[in-house]
Amino acid sequence: MSHDTSDYQDCPVTTIDLALYAEGLLDAAGCQRVERLLNLHPELQSVCAVESEAAENLPFQAPTPGWSVTQSLIVADSARVPSRRNWVSIAAVTLLLTAVVVAWRETEAGAFDAALALSEQAVHATGARIPVDLLRSRQTLERLQKSFWVSDQQMRRRNQLLAEAILAQAGMELKHVMPMEYIDRPDQYPPLDLCRQAVSLVRGAEGDDPLSRQVLADALRFTSEIHGRFAVVQRYAQNRPYCDQFAQSAAAALEAYEVTADDRQKLALLNLLFRALHKGALSGQLRMSDGQSQPAEAVLMPKLRVLLQGFVADSTEPIPTDAQQFVTEIGLAAIRFPVDCFADRLAMMGICNTLGMRLRATPQQAALVLQQGIVLAEQATEVEQDLNFQLTYGRLLGNLADNVSGIVPVVEELQIRERAVGHFRSAVRRIVSEELQAELCWVTARQLLLSYVAARQGLLEESRVAEYLGALKQITAELQSFEGAQLNEKEIELIRAIHADHAGDLSQGWGLKKTAQWVQTAMSGSNTETTRCRVFIEAFRESPYCRSQAEFSEILRAVGLE
């Protein structure tokens, strides 16, 4: 809007006059000036409304004194309609804010990815600085929390790496924190707690993410291994519920088997599962998520039936209902799996060892299975420092000797046992391990007893008996500690009898009470056990210590040697 200012140059009317007139606040002289102008220009009747509307909708800006009505109207018109320049400014600001937001998002996401990359290098690296780098990486990953700018994929990767770092830490702590320190409170064992943390980080993401599935399977496998170790420790401690730990081991191995898509892991998991079941997992109690305990057999058997049905899908043989036979069938199915790599070989050796012990009622079948495991062990290379391999190979040799005891000639049995003793002696020199020491004690003790029998039959020199006795005394702190050696009490009594005779001190013996009980049981058992019992008692017939014991006369009478 524009007007010729010559029409009202003698009537100085300002925007303030118009506003005051519209509000009824202008004095009489001012009203006359405004009305005179409106008479000359009726089209300006709306000026007051314009002024009022502009005042309401725009930030107040004091007009320049002396502005004319035309100038005021131009300002009013421009106030009501945003200019093109205003729209351009608004658009520019919007674009700027968008760019800032995008840059902020990219910066934070980039920093998150950089932290993940550095942590991944530390988690997957090897070297002397692993403990320090792992600790720092774990702390870094724990600080990376979910935010608006972090994607679900990034957070999932963070959880995977954090779980891997925690598992690596658990592996290191396993070497320094002994289960015996937590024998009364296994749930508080630090490596187990770390495994639980790792499982919780990746559980739930395994369905659509292969990496999460793999980490979850690793965490569950490690959990199963630790429970199995705890069970072994508790097994040799009086009044300890070791079957509960084997039950936990079996449950974790079974879940890992169901989760993993890696066929190379399945044999290793079957080995853990089968061993735990063989050691008594189904007799234990399982701690459920609600804190309550339930019989392991009720919880595990439905899942195990599904597992075995998958193994024998093409077989017409019915699945056994007896739990113990059912466990044996799992082992028989597992030994048919193909072996493609060292991990498979090691797992199959363990399965053969466990199955061989379960088949002792049929010695020939057991011997074939144990020999299968020994052949696999003999084909392996560069395994001198592998503890699990050395343990499993030695156990196969020792269990084969136990399996043929009383069946093959004494000299042949001596040779098989000597292989087991030589193997564990060599392994103990290279690797520091309480388990290796315990297994060396087991095979040396039984070789000592058999050597004593052979010497009495004129098949071996007496010096060899003294040699094995000296080795066993060194292992067991002068025959005081047989912990973890899996020897029964009658064997320890007979070993102490040999020691008493060699020392010429009858006070060194521990009696023959358990030996007498063994004789009563053995003489009513199988022909093999009866023959073996008679051979042993005949060897000790002239022992000064045994002859000094009241029970020995009854023992000789029981085996027909009185």
Protein backbone atom coordinates (compact mmCIF):
# COMPACT_ATOMS: atom_id res chain seq x y z
CA MET A 1 0.00 0.00 0.00
CA SER A 2 1.30 3.55 -0.84
CA HIS A 3 -0.11 7.13 -0.63
CA ASP A 4 1.02 10.55 -1.75
CA THR A 5 2.34 12.24 1.35
CA SER A 6 1.63 15.75 -0.06
CA ASP A 7 -2.02 15.32 0.95
CA TYR A 8 -1.26 15.28 4.64
CA GLN A 9 2.12 16.90 5.12
CA ASP A 10 0.48 19.57 7.31
CA CYS A 11 -1.00 16.86 9.50
CA PRO A 12 1.91 15.04 11.08
CA VAL A 13 0.33 11.73 12.04
CA THR A 14 2.60 8.94 13.34
CA THR A 15 2.05 5.27 14.07
CA ILE A 16 1.90 6.10 17.77
CA ASP A 17 -0.99 8.50 17.04
CA LEU A 18 -2.84 5.78 15.16
CA ALA A 19 -2.36 3.24 17.93
CA LEU A 20 -3.44 5.65 20.67
CA TYR A 21 -6.47 6.73 18.58
CA ALA A 22 -7.51 3.11 18.12
CA GLU A 23 -7.30 2.56 21.88
CA GLY A 24 -9.16 5.80 22.70
CA LEU A 25 -6.14 7.25 24.48
CA LEU A 26 -5.24 10.10 22.10
CA ASP A 27 -5.85 13.69 23.25
CA ALA A 28 -8.35 15.98 21.46
CA ALA A 29 -5.80 17.71 19.20
CA GLY A 30 -4.36 14.42 18.17
CA CYS A 31 -7.82 13.00 17.44
CA GLN A 32 -8.58 15.97 15.15
CA ARG A 33 -5.39 15.37 13.17
CA VAL A 34 -6.14 11.67 12.73
CA GLU A 35 -9.81 12.28 11.80
CA ARG A 36 -8.85 14.94 9.29
CA LEU A 37 -6.53 12.43 7.64
CA LEU A 38 -9.19 9.73 7.62
CA ASN A 39 -11.67 12.10 5.98
CA LEU A 40 -9.20 12.76 3.23
CA HIS A 41 -8.40 9.04 2.86
CA PRO A 42 -11.34 6.81 3.96
CA GLU A 43 -9.46 3.71 2.81
CA LEU A 44 -7.21 4.16 5.83
CA GLN A 45 -9.99 3.27 8.30
CA SER A 46 -8.31 -0.08 8.99
CA VAL A 47 -4.96 1.38 9.98
CA CYS A 48 -5.75 1.17 13.66
CA ALA A 49 -6.60 -2.51 13.37
CA VAL A 50 -3.43 -3.09 11.40
CA GLU A 51 -1.38 -1.39 14.06
CA SER A 52 -3.04 -3.45 16.80
CA GLU A 53 -2.59 -6.73 14.93
CA ALA A 54 1.04 -5.99 14.20
CA ALA A 55 1.66 -5.21 17.87
CA GLU A 56 0.09 -8.49 18.95
CA ASN A 57 1.87 -10.77 16.48
CA LEU A 58 5.34 -9.28 16.24
CA PRO A 59 8.02 -8.54 18.76
CA PHE A 60 7.70 -4.89 19.74
CA GLN A 61 9.94 -2.51 17.85
CA ALA A 62 9.70 1.15 18.67
CA PRO A 63 8.91 3.21 15.58
CA THR A 64 11.22 5.94 14.51
CA PRO A 65 9.84 9.28 15.63
CA GLY A 66 8.31 11.24 12.82
CA TRP A 67 7.44 8.31 10.63
CA SER A 68 4.61 9.05 8.30
CA VAL A 69 1.46 6.97 7.98
CA THR A 70 2.63 5.68 4.62
CA GLN A 71 5.84 4.47 6.13
CA SER A 72 3.89 2.95 8.99
CA LEU A 73 1.51 1.17 6.63
CA ILE A 74 4.40 -0.26 4.65
CA VAL A 75 5.85 -1.62 7.88
CA ALA A 76 2.46 -3.04 8.87
CA ASP A 77 1.96 -4.76 5.55
CA SER A 78 5.39 -6.31 5.61
CA ALA A 79 4.77 -7.54 9.18
CA ARG A 80 1.66 -9.44 8.20
CA VAL A 81 3.26 -11.29 5.24
CA PRO A 82 6.68 -12.96 5.75
CA SER A 83 9.08 -11.96 3.07
CA ARG A 84 10.92 -14.34 0.77
CA ARG A 85 14.06 -13.47 2.65
CA ASN A 86 12.45 -14.75 5.91
CA TRP A 87 11.52 -18.08 4.32
CA VAL A 88 15.05 -18.51 3.01
CA SER A 89 16.42 -17.80 6.48
CA ILE A 90 14.10 -20.35 8.10
CA ALA A 91 15.06 -22.98 5.52
CA ALA A 92 18.74 -22.27 6.03
CA VAL A 93 18.46 -22.62 9.79
CA THR A 94 16.55 -25.90 9.39
CA LEU A 95 19.18 -27.29 7.07
CA LEU A 96 21.93 -26.19 9.40
CA LEU A 97 20.29 -27.89 12.37
CA THR A 98 19.78 -31.07 10.33
CA ALA A 99 23.43 -31.07 9.31
CA VAL A 100 24.51 -30.58 12.91
CA VAL A 101 22.29 -33.45 14.08
CA VAL A 102 23.59 -35.78 11.34
CA ALA A 103 27.18 -34.83 12.10
CA TRP A 104 26.58 -35.41 15.80
CA ARG A 105 25.07 -38.80 15.11
CA GLU A 106 27.89 -39.79 12.78
CA THR A 107 30.49 -38.58 15.26
CA GLU A 108 29.05 -40.57 18.16
CA ALA A 109 28.46 -43.66 16.04
CA GLY A 110 31.96 -43.39 14.64
CA ALA A 111 33.44 -43.10 18.11
CA PHE A 112 31.39 -46.16 19.18
CA ASP A 113 32.69 -48.15 16.20
CA ALA A 114 36.26 -47.05 16.90
CA ALA A 115 35.99 -48.20 20.51
CA LEU A 116 34.58 -51.54 19.32
CA ALA A 117 37.42 -51.98 16.83
CA LEU A 118 40.11 -51.33 19.45
CA SER A 119 38.42 -53.63 21.93
CA GLU A 120 38.09 -56.37 19.33
CA GLN A 121 41.84 -56.23 18.66
CA ALA A 122 42.56 -56.64 22.38
CA VAL A 123 40.01 -59.42 22.87
CA HIS A 124 41.27 -61.44 19.91
CA ALA A 125 44.98 -60.70 20.35
CA THR A 126 47.60 -62.95 21.93
CA GLY A 127 50.66 -62.01 23.91
CA ALA A 128 52.04 -61.13 27.29
CA ARG A 129 49.85 -58.02 27.67
CA ILE A 130 46.58 -59.90 27.35
CA PRO A 131 45.48 -59.49 31.00
CA VAL A 132 45.99 -55.71 31.00
CA ASP A 133 44.49 -55.17 27.56
CA LEU A 134 41.52 -57.39 28.34
CA LEU A 135 40.78 -55.50 31.52
CA ARG A 136 40.94 -52.17 29.73
CA SER A 137 38.82 -53.44 26.86
CA ARG A 138 36.20 -54.78 29.24
CA GLN A 139 36.06 -51.44 31.04
CA THR A 140 35.75 -49.62 27.70
CA LEU A 141 32.97 -51.88 26.51
CA GLU A 142 31.08 -51.55 29.78
CA ARG A 143 31.14 -47.75 29.37
CA LEU A 144 29.59 -48.00 25.91
CA GLN A 145 25.92 -47.73 26.78
CA LYS A 146 22.86 -47.65 24.54
CA SER A 147 21.84 -44.17 23.33
CA PHE A 148 19.62 -42.58 20.69
CA TRP A 149 22.54 -42.43 18.28
CA VAL A 150 23.72 -46.05 18.74
CA SER A 151 22.10 -48.69 16.52
CA ASP A 152 20.87 -52.07 17.73
CA GLN A 153 23.50 -53.72 15.54
CA GLN A 154 26.28 -51.76 17.22
CA MET A 155 24.94 -52.61 20.66
CA ARG A 156 24.70 -56.29 19.75
CA ARG A 157 28.32 -56.26 18.62
CA ARG A 158 29.30 -54.53 21.86
CA ASN A 159 27.57 -57.28 23.86
CA GLN A 160 29.34 -59.99 21.85
CA LEU A 161 32.78 -58.48 22.42
CA LEU A 162 32.08 -57.85 26.09
CA ALA A 163 30.97 -61.48 26.52
CA GLU A 164 34.16 -62.67 24.78
CA ALA A 165 36.30 -60.46 27.03
CA ILE A 166 34.53 -61.82 30.10
CA LEU A 167 35.06 -65.42 28.96
CA ALA A 168 38.75 -64.74 28.38
CA GLN A 169 38.97 -63.32 31.89
CA ALA A 170 37.19 -66.42 33.23
CA GLY A 171 39.79 -68.60 31.52
CA MET A 172 42.62 -66.71 33.20
CA GLU A 173 40.97 -66.80 36.61
CA LEU A 174 40.41 -70.54 36.24
CA LYS A 175 44.20 -70.96 36.37
CA HIS A 176 44.57 -69.03 39.62
CA VAL A 177 41.35 -69.56 41.61
CA MET A 178 41.11 -73.18 42.70
CA PRO A 179 37.69 -74.87 42.98
CA MET A 180 38.70 -76.30 46.36
CA GLU A 181 38.51 -72.78 47.82
CA TYR A 182 34.80 -72.66 46.90
CA ILE A 183 33.90 -76.30 47.47
CA ASP A 184 31.03 -75.36 49.83
CA ARG A 185 29.76 -72.51 47.65
CA PRO A 186 30.31 -73.42 43.98
CA ASP A 187 27.77 -70.85 42.75
CA GLN A 188 30.11 -68.12 43.99
CA TYR A 189 33.13 -69.48 42.12
CA PRO A 190 34.41 -66.42 40.15
CA PRO A 191 34.88 -68.16 36.76
CA LEU A 192 31.32 -69.51 36.97
CA ASP A 193 29.95 -66.07 37.79
CA LEU A 194 31.80 -64.60 34.80
CA CYS A 195 30.31 -67.28 32.54
CA ARG A 196 26.83 -66.40 33.75
CA GLN A 197 27.48 -62.74 32.92
CA ALA A 198 28.62 -63.67 29.42
CA VAL A 199 25.55 -65.85 28.83
CA SER A 200 23.19 -63.07 29.94
CA LEU A 201 24.79 -60.60 27.50
CA VAL A 202 24.13 -62.66 24.36
CA ARG A 203 21.16 -64.83 25.27
CA GLY A 204 18.11 -63.77 23.28
CA ALA A 205 20.10 -62.50 20.28
CA GLU A 206 21.15 -65.93 19.00
CA GLY A 207 18.01 -66.45 16.95
CA ASP A 208 18.92 -64.05 14.12
CA ASP A 209 22.61 -63.36 14.75
CA PRO A 210 25.24 -66.07 14.06
CA LEU A 211 27.97 -64.31 16.05
CA SER A 212 25.79 -64.05 19.16
CA ARG A 213 24.86 -67.71 18.73
CA GLN A 214 28.53 -68.70 18.59
CA VAL A 215 29.47 -66.68 21.67
CA LEU A 216 26.51 -68.12 23.58
CA ALA A 217 27.55 -71.66 22.66
CA ASP A 218 31.13 -70.92 23.80
CA ALA A 219 29.92 -69.50 27.11
CA LEU A 220 27.68 -72.51 27.78
CA ARG A 221 30.44 -74.95 26.83
CA PHE A 222 32.83 -73.21 29.23
CA THR A 223 30.14 -73.30 31.92
CA SER A 224 29.76 -77.06 31.41
CA GLU A 225 33.53 -77.59 31.67
CA ILE A 226 33.77 -75.64 34.94
CA HIS A 227 30.87 -77.50 36.55
CA GLY A 228 32.55 -80.75 35.49
CA ARG A 229 35.80 -79.71 37.18
CA PHE A 230 33.94 -78.78 40.33
CA ALA A 231 32.22 -82.16 40.34
CA VAL A 232 35.57 -83.96 40.16
CA VAL A 233 36.85 -81.97 43.15
CA GLN A 234 33.68 -82.62 45.14
CA ARG A 235 33.66 -86.30 44.22
CA TYR A 236 36.72 -86.93 46.36
CA ALA A 237 35.52 -84.79 49.26
CA GLN A 238 33.29 -86.50 51.79
CA ASN A 239 29.56 -85.76 51.77
CA ARG A 240 29.69 -83.42 48.76
CA PRO A 241 26.77 -83.39 46.28
CA TYR A 242 29.01 -83.79 43.23
CA CYS A 243 26.14 -85.20 41.15
CA ASP A 244 24.51 -81.77 41.28
CA GLN A 245 27.56 -80.27 39.60
CA PHE A 246 27.54 -82.99 36.95
CA ALA A 247 23.84 -82.24 36.41
CA GLN A 248 24.64 -78.55 35.85
CA SER A 249 27.44 -79.57 33.49
CA ALA A 250 25.10 -81.80 31.47
CA ALA A 251 22.39 -79.10 31.30
CA ALA A 252 24.83 -76.46 30.01
CA ALA A 253 26.36 -78.85 27.45
CA LEU A 254 22.92 -79.89 26.21
CA GLU A 255 21.78 -76.28 25.80
CA ALA A 256 25.00 -75.41 23.97
CA TYR A 257 24.46 -78.39 21.65
CA GLU A 258 20.95 -77.12 20.85
CA VAL A 259 22.23 -73.58 20.22
CA THR A 260 25.34 -74.16 18.13
CA ALA A 261 25.22 -74.37 14.37
CA ASP A 262 28.89 -75.37 14.18
CA ASP A 263 29.26 -79.09 13.54
CA ARG A 264 32.88 -78.88 14.72
CA GLN A 265 31.65 -78.05 18.22
CA LYS A 266 29.04 -80.76 18.46
CA LEU A 267 31.41 -83.62 19.21
CA ALA A 268 33.12 -81.60 21.95
CA LEU A 269 29.74 -80.83 23.50
CA LEU A 270 28.64 -84.45 23.22
CA ASN A 271 31.83 -85.46 25.02
CA LEU A 272 31.03 -83.10 27.91
CA LEU A 273 27.40 -84.22 28.00
CA PHE A 274 28.17 -87.94 27.84
CA ARG A 275 30.88 -87.71 30.52
CA ALA A 276 28.57 -85.80 32.91
CA LEU A 277 25.77 -88.33 32.37
CA HIS A 278 28.18 -91.21 32.96
CA LYS A 279 29.40 -89.66 36.21
CA GLY A 280 25.90 -89.38 37.67
CA ALA A 281 24.25 -86.22 36.31
CA LEU A 282 20.79 -87.81 36.24
CA SER A 283 21.05 -88.52 39.99
CA GLY A 284 21.62 -84.86 40.84
CA GLN A 285 19.47 -81.80 41.33
CA LEU A 286 19.20 -78.86 38.93
CA ARG A 287 18.84 -75.28 40.13
CA MET A 288 16.07 -73.66 38.07
CA SER A 289 15.71 -69.99 37.10
CA ASP A 290 13.22 -69.39 39.92
CA GLY A 291 15.77 -70.59 42.48
CA GLN A 292 14.03 -73.91 43.11
CA SER A 293 15.72 -77.31 42.63
CA GLN A 294 14.29 -80.17 40.61
CA PRO A 295 15.49 -83.72 39.91
CA ALA A 296 17.86 -83.58 36.96
CA GLU A 297 16.42 -86.74 35.40
CA ALA A 298 12.94 -85.19 35.15
CA VAL A 299 14.33 -82.05 33.52
CA LEU A 300 16.94 -83.55 31.21
CA MET A 301 15.43 -86.83 30.00
CA PRO A 302 12.79 -85.30 27.66
CA LYS A 303 15.51 -83.28 25.92
CA LEU A 304 17.87 -86.24 25.82
CA ARG A 305 15.20 -88.38 24.18
CA VAL A 306 14.82 -85.80 21.44
CA LEU A 307 18.60 -85.76 21.03
CA LEU A 308 18.88 -89.54 20.76
CA GLN A 309 15.93 -89.73 18.37
CA GLY A 310 17.87 -87.40 16.09
CA PHE A 311 20.86 -89.77 16.20
CA VAL A 312 18.89 -92.93 15.46
CA ALA A 313 16.28 -91.49 13.10
CA ASP A 314 17.02 -94.20 10.52
CA SER A 315 17.18 -97.03 13.04
CA THR A 316 14.37 -99.43 13.82
CA GLU A 317 15.75 -100.16 17.30
CA PRO A 318 13.53 -98.87 20.11
CA ILE A 319 14.92 -96.21 22.43
CA PRO A 320 15.57 -97.76 25.86
CA THR A 321 13.51 -96.65 28.81
CA ASP A 322 16.14 -97.50 31.42
CA ALA A 323 18.11 -94.34 32.16
CA GLN A 324 21.51 -96.04 32.42
CA GLN A 325 21.08 -97.97 29.19
CA PHE A 326 19.79 -94.78 27.62
CA VAL A 327 23.06 -93.01 28.49
CA THR A 328 25.06 -95.87 26.99
CA GLU A 329 23.04 -95.60 23.77
CA ILE A 330 24.00 -91.92 23.50
CA GLY A 331 27.67 -92.95 23.63
CA LEU A 332 27.18 -95.71 21.08
CA ALA A 333 25.52 -93.22 18.74
CA ALA A 334 28.21 -90.57 19.29
CA ILE A 335 31.16 -92.81 18.33
CA ARG A 336 29.69 -93.08 14.83
CA PHE A 337 30.23 -89.35 14.21
CA PRO A 338 32.92 -88.44 11.64
CA VAL A 339 36.24 -86.98 12.83
CA ASP A 340 37.53 -84.09 10.72
CA CYS A 341 39.96 -82.08 12.85
CA PHE A 342 42.01 -82.16 16.05
CA ALA A 343 39.09 -80.88 18.15
CA ASP A 344 36.95 -83.75 16.81
CA ARG A 345 39.76 -86.22 17.48
CA LEU A 346 40.15 -85.06 21.09
CA ALA A 347 36.40 -85.16 21.70
CA MET A 348 36.09 -88.64 20.19
CA MET A 349 38.96 -89.87 22.38
CA GLY A 350 36.98 -88.68 25.41
CA ILE A 351 33.79 -90.34 24.19
CA CYS A 352 35.65 -93.63 23.61
CA ASN A 353 37.18 -93.46 27.08
CA THR A 354 33.81 -92.90 28.78
CA LEU A 355 32.02 -95.50 26.69
CA GLY A 356 34.78 -98.02 27.33
CA MET A 357 34.22 -97.67 31.08
CA ARG A 358 30.45 -98.11 30.66
CA LEU A 359 30.95 -101.32 28.66
CA ARG A 360 33.14 -103.12 31.20
CA ALA A 361 30.46 -105.78 31.65
CA THR A 362 31.36 -106.83 28.09
CA PRO A 363 35.19 -106.60 28.15
CA GLN A 364 35.73 -107.41 24.48
CA GLN A 365 33.40 -104.65 23.31
CA ALA A 366 34.94 -102.23 25.82
CA ALA A 367 38.45 -103.09 24.61
CA LEU A 368 37.50 -102.36 20.99
CA VAL A 369 36.11 -98.94 21.92
CA LEU A 370 39.16 -98.04 24.03
CA GLN A 371 41.50 -99.16 21.25
CA GLN A 372 39.58 -96.93 18.84
CA GLY A 373 40.40 -93.96 21.08
CA ILE A 374 44.06 -95.00 21.44
CA VAL A 375 44.46 -95.20 17.65
CA LEU A 376 43.07 -91.67 17.32
CA ALA A 377 45.55 -90.47 19.96
CA GLU A 378 48.51 -92.11 18.21
CA GLN A 379 47.65 -90.31 14.97
CA ALA A 380 47.82 -86.85 16.58
CA THR A 381 50.90 -84.63 16.27
CA GLU A 382 52.29 -81.59 18.12
CA VAL A 383 50.25 -82.21 21.25
CA GLU A 384 53.00 -82.30 23.88
CA GLN A 385 51.67 -79.22 25.68
CA ASP A 386 47.98 -79.98 25.32
CA LEU A 387 46.78 -80.93 28.82
CA ASN A 388 43.40 -82.35 27.76
CA PHE A 389 45.03 -84.55 25.14
CA GLN A 390 47.64 -85.88 27.56
CA LEU A 391 45.00 -86.61 30.21
CA THR A 392 42.64 -88.36 27.79
CA TYR A 393 45.33 -90.45 26.10
CA GLY A 394 46.71 -91.65 29.43
CA ARG A 395 43.22 -92.48 30.72
CA LEU A 396 42.55 -94.57 27.62
CA LEU A 397 45.73 -96.58 28.30
CA GLY A 398 44.99 -96.97 32.00
CA ASN A 399 41.36 -97.96 31.48
CA LEU A 400 42.36 -100.48 28.81
CA ALA A 401 44.68 -102.11 31.37
CA ASP A 402 41.88 -102.16 33.95
CA ASN A 403 39.52 -103.64 31.38
CA VAL A 404 41.80 -106.59 30.55
CA SER A 405 42.88 -107.22 34.14
CA GLY A 406 42.29 -110.84 35.00
CA ILE A 407 41.59 -111.69 31.34
CA VAL A 408 45.00 -111.44 29.66
CA PRO A 409 48.23 -112.86 31.13
CA VAL A 410 49.90 -110.83 33.87
CA VAL A 411 52.93 -110.02 31.68
CA GLU A 412 50.72 -108.55 28.95
CA GLU A 413 48.79 -106.52 31.50
CA LEU A 414 52.10 -105.23 32.90
CA GLN A 415 53.10 -103.98 29.46
CA ILE A 416 49.83 -102.12 28.95
CA ARG A 417 50.07 -100.52 32.40
CA GLU A 418 53.70 -99.58 31.80
CA ARG A 419 52.60 -97.62 28.74
CA ALA A 420 50.15 -95.65 30.87
CA VAL A 421 52.79 -95.01 33.58
CA GLY A 422 55.37 -93.91 31.02
CA HIS A 423 52.87 -91.61 29.33
CA PHE A 424 51.88 -89.79 32.52
CA ARG A 425 55.47 -89.55 33.74
CA SER A 426 56.45 -87.85 30.51
CA ALA A 427 53.45 -85.51 30.61
CA VAL A 428 54.12 -84.48 34.24
CA ARG A 429 57.65 -83.42 33.30
CA ARG A 430 56.30 -81.04 30.64
CA ILE A 431 53.06 -79.77 32.18
CA VAL A 432 52.33 -78.68 35.74
CA SER A 433 48.91 -80.11 36.58
CA GLU A 434 47.27 -81.60 39.67
CA GLU A 435 45.11 -83.77 37.41
CA LEU A 436 48.17 -85.27 35.74
CA GLN A 437 49.67 -85.96 39.15
CA ALA A 438 46.45 -87.69 40.28
CA GLU A 439 46.34 -89.86 37.15
CA LEU A 440 50.02 -90.73 37.52
CA CYS A 441 49.26 -91.83 41.09
CA TRP A 442 46.41 -94.06 39.86
CA VAL A 443 48.37 -95.92 37.18
CA THR A 444 51.52 -96.18 39.32
CA ALA A 445 49.59 -97.62 42.28
CA ARG A 446 47.97 -100.32 40.16
CA GLN A 447 51.26 -101.09 38.45
CA LEU A 448 52.84 -101.53 41.90
CA LEU A 449 50.17 -104.03 42.96
CA LEU A 450 50.46 -105.97 39.70
CA SER A 451 54.27 -105.94 39.94
CA TYR A 452 54.02 -107.42 43.43
CA VAL A 453 51.84 -110.23 42.05
CA ALA A 454 54.25 -110.79 39.12
CA ALA A 455 57.26 -110.89 41.43
CA ARG A 456 55.59 -113.55 43.59
CA GLN A 457 54.96 -115.59 40.46
CA GLY A 458 58.60 -115.25 39.44
CA LEU A 459 57.76 -113.09 36.39
CA LEU A 460 59.46 -109.92 37.59
CA GLU A 461 62.42 -108.96 39.72
CA GLU A 462 61.75 -107.74 43.26
CA SER A 463 63.74 -104.59 42.49
CA ARG A 464 60.97 -103.44 40.16
CA VAL A 465 58.49 -103.61 43.04
CA ALA A 466 60.80 -101.42 45.13
CA GLU A 467 61.12 -99.03 42.18
CA TYR A 468 57.36 -98.56 41.81
CA LEU A 469 56.93 -98.29 45.57
CA GLY A 470 59.51 -95.50 45.72
CA ALA A 471 57.85 -93.64 42.83
CA LEU A 472 54.43 -93.90 44.48
CA LYS A 473 55.78 -92.67 47.83
CA GLN A 474 57.18 -89.63 46.08
CA ILE A 475 53.85 -88.88 44.39
CA THR A 476 51.73 -89.39 47.53
CA ALA A 477 53.90 -87.79 50.23
CA GLU A 478 55.01 -91.11 51.69
CA LEU A 479 51.66 -92.81 50.97
CA GLN A 480 49.72 -90.26 53.01
CA SER A 481 47.64 -88.63 50.25
CA PHE A 482 45.84 -90.54 47.50
CA GLU A 483 43.41 -87.71 46.77
CA GLY A 484 42.01 -87.76 43.25
CA ALA A 485 43.71 -91.04 42.33
CA GLN A 486 40.45 -93.03 41.95
CA LEU A 487 41.80 -95.89 44.06
CA ASN A 488 39.53 -97.90 46.28
CA GLU A 489 40.33 -98.46 49.93
CA LYS A 490 41.28 -102.14 49.61
CA GLU A 491 43.98 -101.17 47.10
CA ILE A 492 45.40 -98.64 49.55
CA GLU A 493 45.38 -101.27 52.31
CA LEU A 494 47.38 -103.68 50.13
CA ILE A 495 49.81 -100.94 49.11
CA ARG A 496 50.39 -100.12 52.78
CA ALA A 497 50.97 -103.83 53.41
CA ILE A 498 53.73 -103.88 50.76
CA HIS A 499 55.22 -100.76 52.32
CA ALA A 500 55.15 -102.32 55.81
CA ASP A 501 56.92 -105.45 54.55
CA HIS A 502 59.63 -103.45 52.73
CA ALA A 503 60.12 -101.15 55.72
CA GLY A 504 60.18 -104.07 58.15
CA ASP A 505 57.71 -102.16 60.29
CA LEU A 506 54.28 -103.76 60.71
CA SER A 507 52.92 -100.54 62.21
CA GLN A 508 53.01 -98.98 58.74
CA GLY A 509 49.99 -101.00 57.61
CA TRP A 510 46.39 -99.79 57.65
CA GLY A 511 44.60 -103.08 58.31
CA LEU A 512 42.71 -105.37 55.94
CA LYS A 513 39.09 -104.56 56.72
CA LYS A 514 38.21 -103.24 53.24
CA THR A 515 40.19 -106.06 51.64
CA ALA A 516 38.08 -108.63 53.49
CA GLN A 517 34.89 -106.94 52.25
CA TRP A 518 36.21 -106.94 48.67
CA VAL A 519 37.01 -110.65 48.86
CA GLN A 520 33.49 -111.48 50.04
CA THR A 521 31.98 -109.51 47.15
CA ALA A 522 34.43 -110.70 44.50
CA MET A 523 34.04 -114.39 45.30
CA SER A 524 30.31 -114.13 44.66
CA GLY A 525 30.77 -112.17 41.44
CA SER A 526 31.80 -113.02 37.89
CA ASN A 527 34.38 -115.67 37.07
CA THR A 528 36.83 -112.99 35.96
CA GLU A 529 36.59 -111.09 39.23
CA THR A 530 36.81 -114.32 41.25
CA THR A 531 39.99 -115.36 39.41
CA ARG A 532 41.55 -111.92 39.83
CA CYS A 533 40.76 -111.88 43.56
CA ARG A 534 42.29 -115.32 44.11
CA VAL A 535 45.48 -114.32 42.21
CA PHE A 536 45.95 -111.22 44.37
CA ILE A 537 45.33 -112.94 47.70
CA GLU A 538 47.65 -115.78 46.77
CA ALA A 539 50.40 -113.24 46.08
CA PHE A 540 50.02 -111.79 49.60
CA ARG A 541 49.76 -115.23 51.23
CA GLU A 542 53.30 -115.02 52.64
CA SER A 543 53.24 -111.30 53.46
CA PRO A 544 54.44 -110.77 57.06
CA TYR A 545 52.08 -107.87 57.50
CA CYS A 546 49.01 -109.67 56.14
CA ARG A 547 49.71 -112.76 58.24
CA SER A 548 49.78 -110.52 61.32
CA GLN A 549 46.19 -109.41 60.73
CA ALA A 550 43.26 -111.33 62.25
CA GLU A 551 41.10 -110.92 59.13
CA PHE A 552 43.65 -112.63 56.88
CA SER A 553 42.74 -116.15 57.95
CA GLU A 554 39.12 -115.51 56.95
CA ILE A 555 40.32 -114.02 53.65
CA LEU A 556 42.39 -117.12 52.83
CA ARG A 557 39.46 -119.35 53.74
CA ALA A 558 37.10 -117.36 51.50
CA VAL A 559 39.31 -117.84 48.42
CA GLY A 560 40.10 -121.47 49.22
CA LEU A 561 43.74 -120.94 50.17
CA GLU A 562 43.68 -121.68 53.89
